[in-house]
Amino acid sequence: MEILNQEVTQEILRLTWRNPPFMAISIALIWLIPQLLIRKIMSVNYEKKKLEKQKDKIGKLYPKTLK
């Protein structure tokens, strides 16, 4: 029974981790998914800051109190 388990394990390793296309896709996903998440977060923050700056500039042009 132990020989069968070892053979199955070796076959799974050969079909997955030792397979160059599988490894290329795995590495690409591990590298790209966090990058896409970070890019999304950064773009949301950029848009918020952009609107904040725009509000500040408009506020300077049209002050709420007259002196």
PDB file of N, CA and C in Angstrom:
ATOM      1  N   MET A   1       0.824  -1.193   0.000  1.00  0.00           N
ATOM      2  CA  MET A   1       0.000   0.000   0.000  1.00  0.00           C
ATOM      3  C   MET A   1       0.868   1.258   0.000  1.00  0.00           C
ATOM      4  N   GLU A   2       1.989   1.204   0.719  1.00  0.00           N
ATOM      5  CA  GLU A   2       2.895   2.352   0.778  1.00  0.00           C
ATOM      6  C   GLU A   2       3.496   2.654  -0.589  1.00  0.00           C
ATOM      7  N   ILE A   3       3.806   1.642  -1.362  1.00  0.00           N
ATOM      8  CA  ILE A   3       4.380   1.840  -2.693  1.00  0.00           C
ATOM      9  C   ILE A   3       3.380   2.558  -3.595  1.00  0.00           C
ATOM     10  N   LEU A   4       2.121   2.191  -3.499  1.00  0.00           N
ATOM     11  CA  LEU A   4       1.087   2.836  -4.307  1.00  0.00           C
ATOM     12  C   LEU A   4       0.979   4.317  -3.956  1.00  0.00           C
ATOM     13  N   ASN A   5       1.011   4.638  -2.676  1.00  0.00           N
ATOM     14  CA  ASN A   5       0.925   6.030  -2.254  1.00  0.00           C
ATOM     15  C   ASN A   5       2.133   6.834  -2.732  1.00  0.00           C
ATOM     16  N   GLN A   6       3.297   6.250  -2.669  1.00  0.00           N
ATOM     17  CA  GLN A   6       4.498   6.936  -3.116  1.00  0.00           C
ATOM     18  C   GLN A   6       4.460   7.142  -4.626  1.00  0.00           C
ATOM     19  N   GLU A   7       3.976   6.158  -5.370  1.00  0.00           N
ATOM     20  CA  GLU A   7       3.870   6.298  -6.818  1.00  0.00           C
ATOM     21  C   GLU A   7       2.849   7.363  -7.201  1.00  0.00           C
ATOM     22  N   VAL A   8       1.751   7.367  -6.495  1.00  0.00           N
ATOM     23  CA  VAL A   8       0.718   8.379  -6.766  1.00  0.00           C
ATOM     24  C   VAL A   8       1.260   9.764  -6.448  1.00  0.00           C
ATOM     25  N   THR A   9       1.967   9.882  -5.365  1.00  0.00           N
ATOM     26  CA  THR A   9       2.554  11.164  -4.984  1.00  0.00           C
ATOM     27  C   THR A   9       3.555  11.639  -6.027  1.00  0.00           C
ATOM     28  N   GLN A  10       4.396  10.738  -6.482  1.00  0.00           N
ATOM     29  CA  GLN A  10       5.382  11.093  -7.505  1.00  0.00           C
ATOM     30  C   GLN A  10       4.698  11.505  -8.813  1.00  0.00           C
ATOM     31  N   GLU A  11       3.630  10.831  -9.159  1.00  0.00           N
ATOM     32  CA  GLU A  11       2.904  11.160 -10.397  1.00  0.00           C
ATOM     33  C   GLU A  11       2.247  12.534 -10.291  1.00  0.00           C
ATOM     34  N   ILE A  12       1.685  12.820  -9.135  1.00  0.00           N
ATOM     35  CA  ILE A  12       1.075  14.145  -8.928  1.00  0.00           C
ATOM     36  C   ILE A  12       2.134  15.230  -9.009  1.00  0.00           C
ATOM     37  N   LEU A  13       3.282  15.005  -8.388  1.00  0.00           N
ATOM     38  CA  LEU A  13       4.365  15.984  -8.466  1.00  0.00           C
ATOM     39  C   LEU A  13       4.839  16.176  -9.906  1.00  0.00           C
ATOM     40  N   ARG A  14       4.933  15.079 -10.644  1.00  0.00           N
ATOM     41  CA  ARG A  14       5.386  15.174 -12.036  1.00  0.00           C
ATOM     42  C   ARG A  14       4.389  15.954 -12.890  1.00  0.00           C
ATOM     43  N   LEU A  15       3.111  15.753 -12.633  1.00  0.00           N
ATOM     44  CA  LEU A  15       2.093  16.417 -13.441  1.00  0.00           C
ATOM     45  C   LEU A  15       1.897  17.884 -13.061  1.00  0.00           C
ATOM     46  N   THR A  16       2.285  18.254 -11.855  1.00  0.00           N
ATOM     47  CA  THR A  16       2.039  19.640 -11.425  1.00  0.00           C
ATOM     48  C   THR A  16       3.336  20.424 -11.279  1.00  0.00           C
ATOM     49  N   TRP A  17       4.061  20.214 -10.193  1.00  0.00           N
ATOM     50  CA  TRP A  17       5.215  21.065  -9.875  1.00  0.00           C
ATOM     51  C   TRP A  17       6.356  20.928 -10.854  1.00  0.00           C
ATOM     52  N   ARG A  18       6.517  19.787 -11.445  1.00  0.00           N
ATOM     53  CA  ARG A  18       7.618  19.607 -12.390  1.00  0.00           C
ATOM     54  C   ARG A  18       7.183  19.875 -13.821  1.00  0.00           C
ATOM     55  N   ASN A  19       6.003  20.403 -13.978  1.00  0.00           N
ATOM     56  CA  ASN A  19       5.470  20.715 -15.305  1.00  0.00           C
ATOM     57  C   ASN A  19       5.731  22.205 -15.589  1.00  0.00           C
ATOM     58  N   PRO A  20       6.572  22.536 -16.568  1.00  0.00           N
ATOM     59  CA  PRO A  20       6.924  23.940 -16.823  1.00  0.00           C
ATOM     60  C   PRO A  20       5.733  24.859 -17.115  1.00  0.00           C
ATOM     61  N   PRO A  21       4.748  24.463 -17.934  1.00  0.00           N
ATOM     62  CA  PRO A  21       3.614  25.377 -18.143  1.00  0.00           C
ATOM     63  C   PRO A  21       2.825  25.635 -16.861  1.00  0.00           C
ATOM     64  N   PHE A  22       2.636  24.611 -16.067  1.00  0.00           N
ATOM     65  CA  PHE A  22       1.921  24.786 -14.797  1.00  0.00           C
ATOM     66  C   PHE A  22       2.678  25.731 -13.884  1.00  0.00           C
ATOM     67  N   MET A  23       3.989  25.566 -13.799  1.00  0.00           N
ATOM     68  CA  MET A  23       4.791  26.434 -12.944  1.00  0.00           C
ATOM     69  C   MET A  23       4.785  27.873 -13.454  1.00  0.00           C
ATOM     70  N   ALA A  24       4.837  28.045 -14.768  1.00  0.00           N
ATOM     71  CA  ALA A  24       4.814  29.398 -15.327  1.00  0.00           C
ATOM     72  C   ALA A  24       3.507  30.092 -14.986  1.00  0.00           C
ATOM     73  N   ILE A  25       2.412  29.381 -15.122  1.00  0.00           N
ATOM     74  CA  ILE A  25       1.101  29.967 -14.794  1.00  0.00           C
ATOM     75  C   ILE A  25       1.000  30.234 -13.294  1.00  0.00           C
ATOM     76  N   SER A  26       1.492  29.314 -12.479  1.00  0.00           N
ATOM     77  CA  SER A  26       1.439  29.502 -11.024  1.00  0.00           C
ATOM     78  C   SER A  26       2.235  30.729 -10.588  1.00  0.00           C
ATOM     79  N   ILE A  27       3.435  30.853 -11.094  1.00  0.00           N
ATOM     80  CA  ILE A  27       4.278  31.999 -10.733  1.00  0.00           C
ATOM     81  C   ILE A  27       3.649  33.293 -11.231  1.00  0.00           C
ATOM     82  N   ALA A  28       3.094  33.275 -12.430  1.00  0.00           N
ATOM     83  CA  ALA A  28       2.454  34.471 -12.964  1.00  0.00           C
ATOM     84  C   ALA A  28       1.269  34.885 -12.100  1.00  0.00           C
ATOM     85  N   LEU A  29       0.469  33.927 -11.673  1.00  0.00           N
ATOM     86  CA  LEU A  29      -0.678  34.251 -10.831  1.00  0.00           C
ATOM     87  C   LEU A  29      -0.246  34.771  -9.468  1.00  0.00           C
ATOM     88  N   ILE A  30       0.769  34.147  -8.895  1.00  0.00           N
ATOM     89  CA  ILE A  30       1.259  34.594  -7.588  1.00  0.00           C
ATOM     90  C   ILE A  30       1.822  36.005  -7.688  1.00  0.00           C
ATOM     91  N   TRP A  31       2.371  36.352  -8.840  1.00  0.00           N
ATOM     92  CA  TRP A  31       2.963  37.664  -9.016  1.00  0.00           C
ATOM     93  C   TRP A  31       1.915  38.708  -9.407  1.00  0.00           C
ATOM     94  N   LEU A  32       0.954  38.341 -10.254  1.00  0.00           N
ATOM     95  CA  LEU A  32       0.018  39.316 -10.803  1.00  0.00           C
ATOM     96  C   LEU A  32      -1.165  39.632  -9.902  1.00  0.00           C
ATOM     97  N   ILE A  33      -1.689  38.670  -9.186  1.00  0.00           N
ATOM     98  CA  ILE A  33      -2.885  38.916  -8.376  1.00  0.00           C
ATOM     99  C   ILE A  33      -2.635  39.988  -7.313  1.00  0.00           C
ATOM    100  N   PRO A  34      -1.566  39.908  -6.514  1.00  0.00           N
ATOM    101  CA  PRO A  34      -1.332  40.997  -5.551  1.00  0.00           C
ATOM    102  C   PRO A  34      -1.084  42.336  -6.242  1.00  0.00           C
ATOM    103  N   GLN A  35      -0.418  42.306  -7.392  1.00  0.00           N
ATOM    104  CA  GLN A  35      -0.156  43.537  -8.123  1.00  0.00           C
ATOM    105  C   GLN A  35      -1.463  44.194  -8.572  1.00  0.00           C
ATOM    106  N   LEU A  36      -2.416  43.407  -9.032  1.00  0.00           N
ATOM    107  CA  LEU A  36      -3.703  43.953  -9.452  1.00  0.00           C
ATOM    108  C   LEU A  36      -4.475  44.514  -8.267  1.00  0.00           C
ATOM    109  N   LEU A  37      -4.427  43.834  -7.141  1.00  0.00           N
ATOM    110  CA  LEU A  37      -5.104  44.332  -5.942  1.00  0.00           C
ATOM    111  C   LEU A  37      -4.491  45.652  -5.470  1.00  0.00           C
ATOM    112  N   ILE A  38      -3.172  45.716  -5.440  1.00  0.00           N
ATOM    113  CA  ILE A  38      -2.501  46.938  -5.008  1.00  0.00           C
ATOM    114  C   ILE A  38      -2.806  48.081  -5.968  1.00  0.00           C
ATOM    115  N   ARG A  39      -2.809  47.798  -7.272  1.00  0.00           N
ATOM    116  CA  ARG A  39      -3.111  48.831  -8.260  1.00  0.00           C
ATOM    117  C   ARG A  39      -4.524  49.372  -8.078  1.00  0.00           C
ATOM    118  N   LYS A  40      -5.482  48.504  -7.775  1.00  0.00           N
ATOM    119  CA  LYS A  40      -6.865  48.930  -7.559  1.00  0.00           C
ATOM    120  C   LYS A  40      -6.961  49.832  -6.331  1.00  0.00           C
ATOM    121  N   ILE A  41      -6.312  49.437  -5.250  1.00  0.00           N
ATOM    122  CA  ILE A  41      -6.330  50.234  -4.021  1.00  0.00           C
ATOM    123  C   ILE A  41      -5.677  51.588  -4.266  1.00  0.00           C
ATOM    124  N   MET A  42      -4.545  51.594  -4.971  1.00  0.00           N
ATOM    125  CA  MET A  42      -3.845  52.853  -5.240  1.00  0.00           C
ATOM    126  C   MET A  42      -4.683  53.773  -6.126  1.00  0.00           C
ATOM    127  N   SER A  43      -5.397  53.228  -7.102  1.00  0.00           N
ATOM    128  CA  SER A  43      -6.207  54.071  -7.983  1.00  0.00           C
ATOM    129  C   SER A  43      -7.389  54.672  -7.224  1.00  0.00           C
ATOM    130  N   VAL A  44      -7.980  53.909  -6.315  1.00  0.00           N
ATOM    131  CA  VAL A  44      -9.078  54.441  -5.503  1.00  0.00           C
ATOM    132  C   VAL A  44      -8.564  55.579  -4.629  1.00  0.00           C
ATOM    133  N   ASN A  45      -7.407  55.384  -3.999  1.00  0.00           N
ATOM    134  CA  ASN A  45      -6.824  56.437  -3.162  1.00  0.00           C
ATOM    135  C   ASN A  45      -6.468  57.661  -3.994  1.00  0.00           C
ATOM    136  N   TYR A  46      -5.954  57.461  -5.194  1.00  0.00           N
ATOM    137  CA  TYR A  46      -5.600  58.570  -6.077  1.00  0.00           C
ATOM    138  C   TYR A  46      -6.837  59.384  -6.439  1.00  0.00           C
ATOM    139  N   GLU A  47      -7.928  58.706  -6.764  1.00  0.00           N
ATOM    140  CA  GLU A  47      -9.159  59.423  -7.115  1.00  0.00           C
ATOM    141  C   GLU A  47      -9.685  60.222  -5.921  1.00  0.00           C
ATOM    142  N   LYS A  48      -9.618  59.653  -4.725  1.00  0.00           N
ATOM    143  CA  LYS A  48     -10.068  60.379  -3.530  1.00  0.00           C
ATOM    144  C   LYS A  48      -9.233  61.636  -3.311  1.00  0.00           C
ATOM    145  N   LYS A  49      -7.906  61.504  -3.420  1.00  0.00           N
ATOM    146  CA  LYS A  49      -7.027  62.654  -3.227  1.00  0.00           C
ATOM    147  C   LYS A  49      -7.238  63.694  -4.314  1.00  0.00           C
ATOM    148  N   LYS A  50      -7.494  63.244  -5.529  1.00  0.00           N
ATOM    149  CA  LYS A  50      -7.732  64.159  -6.636  1.00  0.00           C
ATOM    150  C   LYS A  50      -8.996  64.987  -6.386  1.00  0.00           C
ATOM    151  N   LEU A  51     -10.070  64.337  -5.940  1.00  0.00           N
ATOM    152  CA  LEU A  51     -11.298  65.063  -5.634  1.00  0.00           C
ATOM    153  C   LEU A  51     -11.113  66.016  -4.460  1.00  0.00           C
ATOM    154  N   GLU A  52     -10.344  65.587  -3.475  1.00  0.00           N
ATOM    155  CA  GLU A  52     -10.068  66.443  -2.304  1.00  0.00           C
ATOM    156  C   GLU A  52      -9.318  67.709  -2.730  1.00  0.00           C
ATOM    157  N   LYS A  53      -8.299  67.548  -3.564  1.00  0.00           N
ATOM    158  CA  LYS A  53      -7.547  68.707  -4.057  1.00  0.00           C
ATOM    159  C   LYS A  53      -8.439  69.626  -4.883  1.00  0.00           C
ATOM    160  N   GLN A  54      -9.306  69.021  -5.702  1.00  0.00           N
ATOM    161  CA  GLN A  54     -10.209  69.822  -6.523  1.00  0.00           C
ATOM    162  C   GLN A  54     -11.159  70.627  -5.637  1.00  0.00           C
ATOM    163  N   LYS A  55     -11.684  70.011  -4.579  1.00  0.00           N
ATOM    164  CA  LYS A  55     -12.566  70.723  -3.647  1.00  0.00           C
ATOM    165  C   LYS A  55     -11.819  71.867  -2.964  1.00  0.00           C
ATOM    166  N   ASP A  56     -10.557  71.625  -2.583  1.00  0.00           N
ATOM    167  CA  ASP A  56      -9.767  72.668  -1.944  1.00  0.00           C
ATOM    168  C   ASP A  56      -9.544  73.852  -2.883  1.00  0.00           C
ATOM    169  N   LYS A  57      -9.230  73.567  -4.131  1.00  0.00           N
ATOM    170  CA  LYS A  57      -8.996  74.647  -5.092  1.00  0.00           C
ATOM    171  C   LYS A  57     -10.271  75.433  -5.357  1.00  0.00           C
ATOM    172  N   ILE A  58     -11.380  74.753  -5.465  1.00  0.00           N
ATOM    173  CA  ILE A  58     -12.659  75.446  -5.673  1.00  0.00           C
ATOM    174  C   ILE A  58     -13.010  76.250  -4.432  1.00  0.00           C
ATOM    175  N   GLY A  59     -12.731  75.705  -3.256  1.00  0.00           N
ATOM    176  CA  GLY A  59     -12.990  76.424  -2.011  1.00  0.00           C
ATOM    177  C   GLY A  59     -12.172  77.703  -1.907  1.00  0.00           C
ATOM    178  N   LYS A  60     -10.952  77.712  -2.444  1.00  0.00           N
ATOM    179  CA  LYS A  60     -10.136  78.925  -2.435  1.00  0.00           C
ATOM    180  C   LYS A  60     -10.689  79.969  -3.394  1.00  0.00           C
ATOM    181  N   LEU A  61     -11.276  79.536  -4.489  1.00  0.00           N
ATOM    182  CA  LEU A  61     -11.833  80.488  -5.453  1.00  0.00           C
ATOM    183  C   LEU A  61     -13.128  81.116  -4.955  1.00  0.00           C
ATOM    184  N   TYR A  62     -13.917  80.338  -4.254  1.00  0.00           N
ATOM    185  CA  TYR A  62     -15.207  80.804  -3.763  1.00  0.00           C
ATOM    186  C   TYR A  62     -15.256  80.646  -2.251  1.00  0.00           C
ATOM    187  N   PRO A  63     -14.690  81.600  -1.518  1.00  0.00           N
ATOM    188  CA  PRO A  63     -14.720  81.481  -0.048  1.00  0.00           C
ATOM    189  C   PRO A  63     -16.135  81.576   0.484  1.00  0.00           C
ATOM    190  N   LYS A  64     -16.410  80.928   1.599  1.00  0.00           N
ATOM    191  CA  LYS A  64     -17.754  80.903   2.168  1.00  0.00           C
ATOM    192  C   LYS A  64     -18.088  82.198   2.889  1.00  0.00           C
ATOM    193  N   THR A  65     -17.103  82.868   3.442  1.00  0.00           N
ATOM    194  CA  THR A  65     -17.365  84.118   4.159  1.00  0.00           C
ATOM    195  C   THR A  65     -16.750  85.281   3.385  1.00  0.00           C
ATOM    196  N   LEU A  66     -17.462  86.363   3.368  1.00  0.00           N
ATOM    197  CA  LEU A  66     -16.960  87.575   2.731  1.00  0.00           C
ATOM    198  C   LEU A  66     -16.321  88.458   3.798  1.00  0.00           C
ATOM    199  N   LYS A  67     -15.204  89.048   3.493  1.00  0.00           N
ATOM    200  CA  LYS A  67     -14.518  89.889   4.465  1.00  0.00           C
ATOM    201  C   LYS A  67     -14.861  91.343   4.257  1.00  0.00           C
TER     202      LYS A  67
END
